[in-house]
Amino acid sequence: MARMISQRELRNDNAAIMRELEVGHGFIVTRHGQPIAELTPLRRHRFVSKNAVVANFANAPRINLQQLREDLDALGSQEIALRG
């Protein structure tokens, strides 16, 4: 959950706030007690190795491809609707 900070605290303690953003903490900035902005850290792209992916999905249930196709076909038509 994001921590509430005042506009003044953002101005006066910006270096400490930036350090907290770097490690993943977020903030709601208030002015006169009213929330006006949200500061959230940027999501960084992470490389995930093939071995890590394989390990994460090792115990995943197997996919029945025929059932998947039937389920998808039941959800929507593959017909192309021509507008004239």
PDB file of N, CA and C in Angstrom:
ATOM      1  N   MET A   1       0.841  -1.183   0.000  1.00  0.00           N
ATOM      2  CA  MET A   1       0.000   0.000   0.000  1.00  0.00           C
ATOM      3  C   MET A   1       0.880   1.239   0.000  1.00  0.00           C
ATOM      4  N   ALA A   2       0.460   2.253  -0.733  1.00  0.00           N
ATOM      5  CA  ALA A   2       1.223   3.490  -0.843  1.00  0.00           C
ATOM      6  C   ALA A   2       1.123   4.312   0.439  1.00  0.00           C
ATOM      7  N   ARG A   3       2.224   4.917   0.788  1.00  0.00           N
ATOM      8  CA  ARG A   3       2.267   5.762   1.990  1.00  0.00           C
ATOM      9  C   ARG A   3       1.871   7.187   1.611  1.00  0.00           C
ATOM     10  N   MET A   4       1.086   7.840   2.474  1.00  0.00           N
ATOM     11  CA  MET A   4       0.669   9.219   2.250  1.00  0.00           C
ATOM     12  C   MET A   4       1.789  10.165   2.678  1.00  0.00           C
ATOM     13  N   ILE A   5       2.133  11.097   1.795  1.00  0.00           N
ATOM     14  CA  ILE A   5       3.108  12.130   2.137  1.00  0.00           C
ATOM     15  C   ILE A   5       2.556  13.474   1.669  1.00  0.00           C
ATOM     16  N   SER A   6       2.939  14.516   2.373  1.00  0.00           N
ATOM     17  CA  SER A   6       2.477  15.851   1.986  1.00  0.00           C
ATOM     18  C   SER A   6       3.361  16.400   0.870  1.00  0.00           C
ATOM     19  N   GLN A   7       2.846  17.398   0.198  1.00  0.00           N
ATOM     20  CA  GLN A   7       3.610  18.084  -0.841  1.00  0.00           C
ATOM     21  C   GLN A   7       4.909  18.629  -0.244  1.00  0.00           C
ATOM     22  N   ARG A   8       4.829  19.137   0.970  1.00  0.00           N
ATOM     23  CA  ARG A   8       6.006  19.673   1.657  1.00  0.00           C
ATOM     24  C   ARG A   8       7.038  18.573   1.907  1.00  0.00           C
ATOM     25  N   GLU A   9       6.560  17.399   2.364  1.00  0.00           N
ATOM     26  CA  GLU A   9       7.478  16.280   2.606  1.00  0.00           C
ATOM     27  C   GLU A   9       8.151  15.841   1.301  1.00  0.00           C
ATOM     28  N   LEU A  10       7.399  15.827   0.209  1.00  0.00           N
ATOM     29  CA  LEU A  10       7.971  15.480  -1.083  1.00  0.00           C
ATOM     30  C   LEU A  10       9.083  16.464  -1.451  1.00  0.00           C
ATOM     31  N   ARG A  11       8.833  17.727  -1.231  1.00  0.00           N
ATOM     32  CA  ARG A  11       9.827  18.758  -1.545  1.00  0.00           C
ATOM     33  C   ARG A  11      11.046  18.647  -0.641  1.00  0.00           C
ATOM     34  N   ASN A  12      10.815  18.493   0.660  1.00  0.00           N
ATOM     35  CA  ASN A  12      11.924  18.522   1.612  1.00  0.00           C
ATOM     36  C   ASN A  12      12.723  17.221   1.682  1.00  0.00           C
ATOM     37  N   ASP A  13      12.070  16.094   1.432  1.00  0.00           N
ATOM     38  CA  ASP A  13      12.722  14.788   1.586  1.00  0.00           C
ATOM     39  C   ASP A  13      12.794  14.025   0.267  1.00  0.00           C
ATOM     40  N   ASN A  14      12.946  14.757  -0.846  1.00  0.00           N
ATOM     41  CA  ASN A  14      12.862  14.093  -2.146  1.00  0.00           C
ATOM     42  C   ASN A  14      13.925  13.025  -2.350  1.00  0.00           C
ATOM     43  N   ALA A  15      15.138  13.189  -1.818  1.00  0.00           N
ATOM     44  CA  ALA A  15      16.189  12.174  -2.002  1.00  0.00           C
ATOM     45  C   ALA A  15      15.798  10.862  -1.321  1.00  0.00           C
ATOM     46  N   ALA A  16      15.276  10.942  -0.104  1.00  0.00           N
ATOM     47  CA  ALA A  16      14.861   9.735   0.614  1.00  0.00           C
ATOM     48  C   ALA A  16      13.676   9.080  -0.083  1.00  0.00           C
ATOM     49  N   ILE A  17      12.765   9.881  -0.596  1.00  0.00           N
ATOM     50  CA  ILE A  17      11.595   9.356  -1.289  1.00  0.00           C
ATOM     51  C   ILE A  17      12.025   8.643  -2.571  1.00  0.00           C
ATOM     52  N   MET A  18      12.985   9.216  -3.300  1.00  0.00           N
ATOM     53  CA  MET A  18      13.487   8.571  -4.513  1.00  0.00           C
ATOM     54  C   MET A  18      14.132   7.224  -4.194  1.00  0.00           C
ATOM     55  N   ARG A  19      14.865   7.155  -3.085  1.00  0.00           N
ATOM     56  CA  ARG A  19      15.472   5.880  -2.686  1.00  0.00           C
ATOM     57  C   ARG A  19      14.392   4.843  -2.401  1.00  0.00           C
ATOM     58  N   GLU A  20      13.315   5.274  -1.751  1.00  0.00           N
ATOM     59  CA  GLU A  20      12.223   4.335  -1.459  1.00  0.00           C
ATOM     60  C   GLU A  20      11.522   3.892  -2.745  1.00  0.00           C
ATOM     61  N   LEU A  21      11.361   4.806  -3.692  1.00  0.00           N
ATOM     62  CA  LEU A  21      10.778   4.440  -4.980  1.00  0.00           C
ATOM     63  C   LEU A  21      11.643   3.399  -5.681  1.00  0.00           C
ATOM     64  N   GLU A  22      12.964   3.562  -5.593  1.00  0.00           N
ATOM     65  CA  GLU A  22      13.884   2.625  -6.242  1.00  0.00           C
ATOM     66  C   GLU A  22      13.724   1.195  -5.728  1.00  0.00           C
ATOM     67  N   VAL A  23      13.346   1.047  -4.467  1.00  0.00           N
ATOM     68  CA  VAL A  23      13.193  -0.305  -3.914  1.00  0.00           C
ATOM     69  C   VAL A  23      11.741  -0.788  -3.959  1.00  0.00           C
ATOM     70  N   GLY A  24      10.876  -0.017  -4.622  1.00  0.00           N
ATOM     71  CA  GLY A  24       9.528  -0.510  -4.860  1.00  0.00           C
ATOM     72  C   GLY A  24       8.407   0.096  -4.057  1.00  0.00           C
ATOM     73  N   HIS A  25       8.686   1.068  -3.183  1.00  0.00           N
ATOM     74  CA  HIS A  25       7.620   1.684  -2.392  1.00  0.00           C
ATOM     75  C   HIS A  25       6.923   2.783  -3.184  1.00  0.00           C
ATOM     76  N   GLY A  26       5.625   2.921  -2.956  1.00  0.00           N
ATOM     77  CA  GLY A  26       4.850   3.954  -3.625  1.00  0.00           C
ATOM     78  C   GLY A  26       4.331   4.980  -2.638  1.00  0.00           C
ATOM     79  N   PHE A  27       3.855   6.116  -3.170  1.00  0.00           N
ATOM     80  CA  PHE A  27       3.401   7.225  -2.339  1.00  0.00           C
ATOM     81  C   PHE A  27       2.159   7.870  -2.933  1.00  0.00           C
ATOM     82  N   ILE A  28       1.312   8.371  -2.061  1.00  0.00           N
ATOM     83  CA  ILE A  28       0.209   9.253  -2.435  1.00  0.00           C
ATOM     84  C   ILE A  28       0.600  10.631  -1.906  1.00  0.00           C
ATOM     85  N   VAL A  29       0.633  11.611  -2.792  1.00  0.00           N
ATOM     86  CA  VAL A  29       1.011  12.966  -2.395  1.00  0.00           C
ATOM     87  C   VAL A  29      -0.258  13.752  -2.100  1.00  0.00           C
ATOM     88  N   THR A  30      -0.253  14.439  -0.965  1.00  0.00           N
ATOM     89  CA  THR A  30      -1.416  15.241  -0.569  1.00  0.00           C
ATOM     90  C   THR A  30      -1.065  16.725  -0.537  1.00  0.00           C
ATOM     91  N   ARG A  31      -2.090  17.545  -0.736  1.00  0.00           N
ATOM     92  CA  ARG A  31      -1.951  19.005  -0.556  1.00  0.00           C
ATOM     93  C   ARG A  31      -3.152  19.446   0.261  1.00  0.00           C
ATOM     94  N   HIS A  32      -2.872  20.051   1.385  1.00  0.00           N
ATOM     95  CA  HIS A  32      -3.923  20.450   2.321  1.00  0.00           C
ATOM     96  C   HIS A  32      -4.770  19.245   2.728  1.00  0.00           C
ATOM     97  N   GLY A  33      -4.115  18.086   2.862  1.00  0.00           N
ATOM     98  CA  GLY A  33      -4.790  16.875   3.316  1.00  0.00           C
ATOM     99  C   GLY A  33      -5.552  16.110   2.243  1.00  0.00           C
ATOM    100  N   GLN A  34      -5.601  16.636   1.030  1.00  0.00           N
ATOM    101  CA  GLN A  34      -6.331  15.993  -0.065  1.00  0.00           C
ATOM    102  C   GLN A  34      -5.354  15.299  -1.014  1.00  0.00           C
ATOM    103  N   PRO A  35      -5.589  14.032  -1.343  1.00  0.00           N
ATOM    104  CA  PRO A  35      -4.713  13.338  -2.296  1.00  0.00           C
ATOM    105  C   PRO A  35      -4.760  14.017  -3.661  1.00  0.00           C
ATOM    106  N   ILE A  36      -3.575  14.255  -4.246  1.00  0.00           N
ATOM    107  CA  ILE A  36      -3.524  14.901  -5.558  1.00  0.00           C
ATOM    108  C   ILE A  36      -2.702  14.124  -6.585  1.00  0.00           C
ATOM    109  N   ALA A  37      -1.854  13.216  -6.112  1.00  0.00           N
ATOM    110  CA  ALA A  37      -1.007  12.486  -7.060  1.00  0.00           C
ATOM    111  C   ALA A  37      -0.564  11.167  -6.448  1.00  0.00           C
ATOM    112  N   GLU A  38      -0.158  10.277  -7.324  1.00  0.00           N
ATOM    113  CA  GLU A  38       0.386   8.990  -6.886  1.00  0.00           C
ATOM    114  C   GLU A  38       1.765   8.824  -7.514  1.00  0.00           C
ATOM    115  N   LEU A  39       2.737   8.509  -6.696  1.00  0.00           N
ATOM    116  CA  LEU A  39       4.084   8.209  -7.174  1.00  0.00           C
ATOM    117  C   LEU A  39       4.293   6.713  -7.065  1.00  0.00           C
ATOM    118  N   THR A  40       4.579   6.088  -8.194  1.00  0.00           N
ATOM    119  CA  THR A  40       4.821   4.648  -8.188  1.00  0.00           C
ATOM    120  C   THR A  40       6.118   4.360  -8.920  1.00  0.00           C
ATOM    121  N   PRO A  41       6.855   3.348  -8.485  1.00  0.00           N
ATOM    122  CA  PRO A  41       8.099   3.015  -9.172  1.00  0.00           C
ATOM    123  C   PRO A  41       7.804   2.442 -10.556  1.00  0.00           C
ATOM    124  N   LEU A  42       8.709   2.688 -11.486  1.00  0.00           N
ATOM    125  CA  LEU A  42       8.575   2.096 -12.812  1.00  0.00           C
ATOM    126  C   LEU A  42       8.852   0.611 -12.718  1.00  0.00           C
ATOM    127  N   ARG A  43       8.119  -0.141 -13.485  1.00  0.00           N
ATOM    128  CA  ARG A  43       8.365  -1.586 -13.521  1.00  0.00           C
ATOM    129  C   ARG A  43       9.551  -1.827 -14.438  1.00  0.00           C
ATOM    130  N   ARG A  44      10.518  -2.521 -13.921  1.00  0.00           N
ATOM    131  CA  ARG A  44      11.713  -2.805 -14.707  1.00  0.00           C
ATOM    132  C   ARG A  44      11.569  -4.165 -15.367  1.00  0.00           C
ATOM    133  N   HIS A  45      12.017  -4.221 -16.613  1.00  0.00           N
ATOM    134  CA  HIS A  45      11.996  -5.488 -17.327  1.00  0.00           C
ATOM    135  C   HIS A  45      13.089  -6.376 -16.756  1.00  0.00           C
ATOM    136  N   ARG A  46      12.735  -7.593 -16.489  1.00  0.00           N
ATOM    137  CA  ARG A  46      13.701  -8.532 -15.947  1.00  0.00           C
ATOM    138  C   ARG A  46      13.877  -9.684 -16.916  1.00  0.00           C
ATOM    139  N   PHE A  47      15.109 -10.093 -17.081  1.00  0.00           N
ATOM    140  CA  PHE A  47      15.388 -11.266 -17.891  1.00  0.00           C
ATOM    141  C   PHE A  47      15.114 -12.500 -17.052  1.00  0.00           C
ATOM    142  N   VAL A  48      14.395 -13.431 -17.626  1.00  0.00           N
ATOM    143  CA  VAL A  48      14.121 -14.692 -16.949  1.00  0.00           C
ATOM    144  C   VAL A  48      14.731 -15.790 -17.817  1.00  0.00           C
ATOM    145  N   SER A  49      15.591 -16.586 -17.232  1.00  0.00           N
ATOM    146  CA  SER A  49      16.261 -17.632 -17.997  1.00  0.00           C
ATOM    147  C   SER A  49      15.283 -18.733 -18.394  1.00  0.00           C
ATOM    148  N   LYS A  50      15.648 -19.452 -19.446  1.00  0.00           N
ATOM    149  CA  LYS A  50      14.838 -20.574 -19.906  1.00  0.00           C
ATOM    150  C   LYS A  50      14.662 -21.596 -18.786  1.00  0.00           C
ATOM    151  N   ASN A  51      15.736 -21.881 -18.055  1.00  0.00           N
ATOM    152  CA  ASN A  51      15.654 -22.864 -16.976  1.00  0.00           C
ATOM    153  C   ASN A  51      14.669 -22.446 -15.891  1.00  0.00           C
ATOM    154  N   ALA A  52      14.611 -21.146 -15.585  1.00  0.00           N
ATOM    155  CA  ALA A  52      13.671 -20.660 -14.579  1.00  0.00           C
ATOM    156  C   ALA A  52      12.234 -20.813 -15.069  1.00  0.00           C
ATOM    157  N   VAL A  53      12.000 -20.531 -16.343  1.00  0.00           N
ATOM    158  CA  VAL A  53      10.655 -20.672 -16.904  1.00  0.00           C
ATOM    159  C   VAL A  53      10.229 -22.139 -16.880  1.00  0.00           C
ATOM    160  N   VAL A  54      11.123 -23.011 -17.311  1.00  0.00           N
ATOM    161  CA  VAL A  54      10.813 -24.443 -17.319  1.00  0.00           C
ATOM    162  C   VAL A  54      10.511 -24.922 -15.902  1.00  0.00           C
ATOM    163  N   ALA A  55      11.305 -24.482 -14.934  1.00  0.00           N
ATOM    164  CA  ALA A  55      11.081 -24.890 -13.545  1.00  0.00           C
ATOM    165  C   ALA A  55       9.737 -24.386 -13.027  1.00  0.00           C
ATOM    166  N   ASN A  56       9.362 -23.159 -13.380  1.00  0.00           N
ATOM    167  CA  ASN A  56       8.092 -22.597 -12.916  1.00  0.00           C
ATOM    168  C   ASN A  56       6.888 -23.326 -13.498  1.00  0.00           C
ATOM    169  N   PHE A  57       7.019 -23.838 -14.720  1.00  0.00           N
ATOM    170  CA  PHE A  57       5.888 -24.498 -15.367  1.00  0.00           C
ATOM    171  C   PHE A  57       5.963 -26.021 -15.280  1.00  0.00           C
ATOM    172  N   ALA A  58       6.941 -26.542 -14.579  1.00  0.00           N
ATOM    173  CA  ALA A  58       7.120 -27.997 -14.504  1.00  0.00           C
ATOM    174  C   ALA A  58       5.898 -28.708 -13.935  1.00  0.00           C
ATOM    175  N   ASN A  59       5.231 -28.120 -12.989  1.00  0.00           N
ATOM    176  CA  ASN A  59       4.070 -28.764 -12.357  1.00  0.00           C
ATOM    177  C   ASN A  59       2.736 -28.202 -12.835  1.00  0.00           C
ATOM    178  N   ALA A  60       2.774 -27.416 -13.896  1.00  0.00           N
ATOM    179  CA  ALA A  60       1.534 -26.858 -14.440  1.00  0.00           C
ATOM    180  C   ALA A  60       0.720 -27.971 -15.095  1.00  0.00           C
ATOM    181  N   PRO A  61      -0.596 -27.851 -15.081  1.00  0.00           N
ATOM    182  CA  PRO A  61      -1.411 -28.889 -15.725  1.00  0.00           C
ATOM    183  C   PRO A  61      -1.183 -28.893 -17.239  1.00  0.00           C
ATOM    184  N   ARG A  62      -1.308 -30.061 -17.826  1.00  0.00           N
ATOM    185  CA  ARG A  62      -1.152 -30.171 -19.274  1.00  0.00           C
ATOM    186  C   ARG A  62      -2.380 -29.565 -19.945  1.00  0.00           C
ATOM    187  N   ILE A  63      -2.163 -29.016 -21.118  1.00  0.00           N
ATOM    188  CA  ILE A  63      -3.253 -28.392 -21.869  1.00  0.00           C
ATOM    189  C   ILE A  63      -3.783 -29.392 -22.889  1.00  0.00           C
ATOM    190  N   ASN A  64      -5.081 -29.598 -22.858  1.00  0.00           N
ATOM    191  CA  ASN A  64      -5.747 -30.421 -23.859  1.00  0.00           C
ATOM    192  C   ASN A  64      -6.044 -29.492 -25.033  1.00  0.00           C
ATOM    193  N   LEU A  65      -5.235 -29.588 -26.090  1.00  0.00           N
ATOM    194  CA  LEU A  65      -5.353 -28.655 -27.204  1.00  0.00           C
ATOM    195  C   LEU A  65      -6.694 -28.760 -27.920  1.00  0.00           C
ATOM    196  N   GLN A  66      -7.233 -29.953 -28.024  1.00  0.00           N
ATOM    197  CA  GLN A  66      -8.535 -30.113 -28.667  1.00  0.00           C
ATOM    198  C   GLN A  66      -9.623 -29.403 -27.859  1.00  0.00           C
ATOM    199  N   GLN A  67      -9.589 -29.555 -26.545  1.00  0.00           N
ATOM    200  CA  GLN A  67     -10.579 -28.895 -25.689  1.00  0.00           C
ATOM    201  C   GLN A  67     -10.403 -27.376 -25.735  1.00  0.00           C
ATOM    202  N   LEU A  68      -9.170 -26.927 -25.765  1.00  0.00           N
ATOM    203  CA  LEU A  68      -8.906 -25.486 -25.864  1.00  0.00           C
ATOM    204  C   LEU A  68      -9.503 -24.937 -27.153  1.00  0.00           C
ATOM    205  N   ARG A  69      -9.287 -25.635 -28.276  1.00  0.00           N
ATOM    206  CA  ARG A  69      -9.825 -25.192 -29.566  1.00  0.00           C
ATOM    207  C   ARG A  69     -11.357 -25.149 -29.530  1.00  0.00           C
ATOM    208  N   GLU A  70     -11.955 -26.164 -28.945  1.00  0.00           N
ATOM    209  CA  GLU A  70     -13.421 -26.195 -28.850  1.00  0.00           C
ATOM    210  C   GLU A  70     -13.939 -25.050 -27.985  1.00  0.00           C
ATOM    211  N   ASP A  71     -13.252 -24.796 -26.885  1.00  0.00           N
ATOM    212  CA  ASP A  71     -13.658 -23.694 -26.002  1.00  0.00           C
ATOM    213  C   ASP A  71     -13.545 -22.354 -26.717  1.00  0.00           C
ATOM    214  N   LEU A  72     -12.454 -22.154 -27.446  1.00  0.00           N
ATOM    215  CA  LEU A  72     -12.279 -20.896 -28.171  1.00  0.00           C
ATOM    216  C   LEU A  72     -13.303 -20.745 -29.290  1.00  0.00           C
ATOM    217  N   ASP A  73     -13.578 -21.843 -30.008  1.00  0.00           N
ATOM    218  CA  ASP A  73     -14.584 -21.790 -31.062  1.00  0.00           C
ATOM    219  C   ASP A  73     -15.967 -21.469 -30.504  1.00  0.00           C
ATOM    220  N   ALA A  74     -16.262 -21.962 -29.304  1.00  0.00           N
ATOM    221  CA  ALA A  74     -17.561 -21.702 -28.686  1.00  0.00           C
ATOM    222  C   ALA A  74     -17.699 -20.236 -28.260  1.00  0.00           C
ATOM    223  N   LEU A  75     -16.569 -19.582 -28.015  1.00  0.00           N
ATOM    224  CA  LEU A  75     -16.613 -18.187 -27.574  1.00  0.00           C
ATOM    225  C   LEU A  75     -16.884 -17.203 -28.702  1.00  0.00           C
ATOM    226  N   GLY A  76     -16.430 -17.515 -29.887  1.00  0.00           N
ATOM    227  CA  GLY A  76     -16.624 -16.551 -30.963  1.00  0.00           C
ATOM    228  C   GLY A  76     -16.466 -17.192 -32.320  1.00  0.00           C
ATOM    229  N   SER A  77     -17.090 -16.577 -33.269  1.00  0.00           N
ATOM    230  CA  SER A  77     -17.042 -17.073 -34.633  1.00  0.00           C
ATOM    231  C   SER A  77     -15.731 -16.650 -35.298  1.00  0.00           C
ATOM    232  N   GLN A  78     -15.286 -17.465 -36.238  1.00  0.00           N
ATOM    233  CA  GLN A  78     -14.109 -17.107 -36.997  1.00  0.00           C
ATOM    234  C   GLN A  78     -14.500 -16.602 -38.379  1.00  0.00           C
ATOM    235  N   GLU A  79     -15.793 -16.390 -38.577  1.00  0.00           N
ATOM    236  CA  GLU A  79     -16.296 -15.870 -39.837  1.00  0.00           C
ATOM    237  C   GLU A  79     -15.919 -14.405 -39.994  1.00  0.00           C
ATOM    238  N   ILE A  80     -15.628 -14.008 -41.194  1.00  0.00           N
ATOM    239  CA  ILE A  80     -15.319 -12.611 -41.469  1.00  0.00           C
ATOM    240  C   ILE A  80     -16.622 -11.922 -41.860  1.00  0.00           C
ATOM    241  N   ALA A  81     -16.959 -10.884 -41.126  1.00  0.00           N
ATOM    242  CA  ALA A  81     -18.181 -10.145 -41.416  1.00  0.00           C
ATOM    243  C   ALA A  81     -17.855  -9.047 -42.426  1.00  0.00           C
ATOM    244  N   LEU A  82     -18.509  -9.121 -43.588  1.00  0.00           N
ATOM    245  CA  LEU A  82     -18.293  -8.114 -44.624  1.00  0.00           C
ATOM    246  C   LEU A  82     -19.342  -7.023 -44.466  1.00  0.00           C
ATOM    247  N   ARG A  83     -18.866  -5.807 -44.526  1.00  0.00           N
ATOM    248  CA  ARG A  83     -19.796  -4.667 -44.439  1.00  0.00           C
ATOM    249  C   ARG A  83     -19.988  -4.115 -45.840  1.00  0.00           C
ATOM    250  N   GLY A  84     -21.201  -3.813 -46.151  1.00  0.00           N
ATOM    251  CA  GLY A  84     -21.436  -3.364 -47.505  1.00  0.00           C
ATOM    252  C   GLY A  84     -22.092  -2.091 -47.638  1.00  0.00           C
TER     253      GLY A  84
END
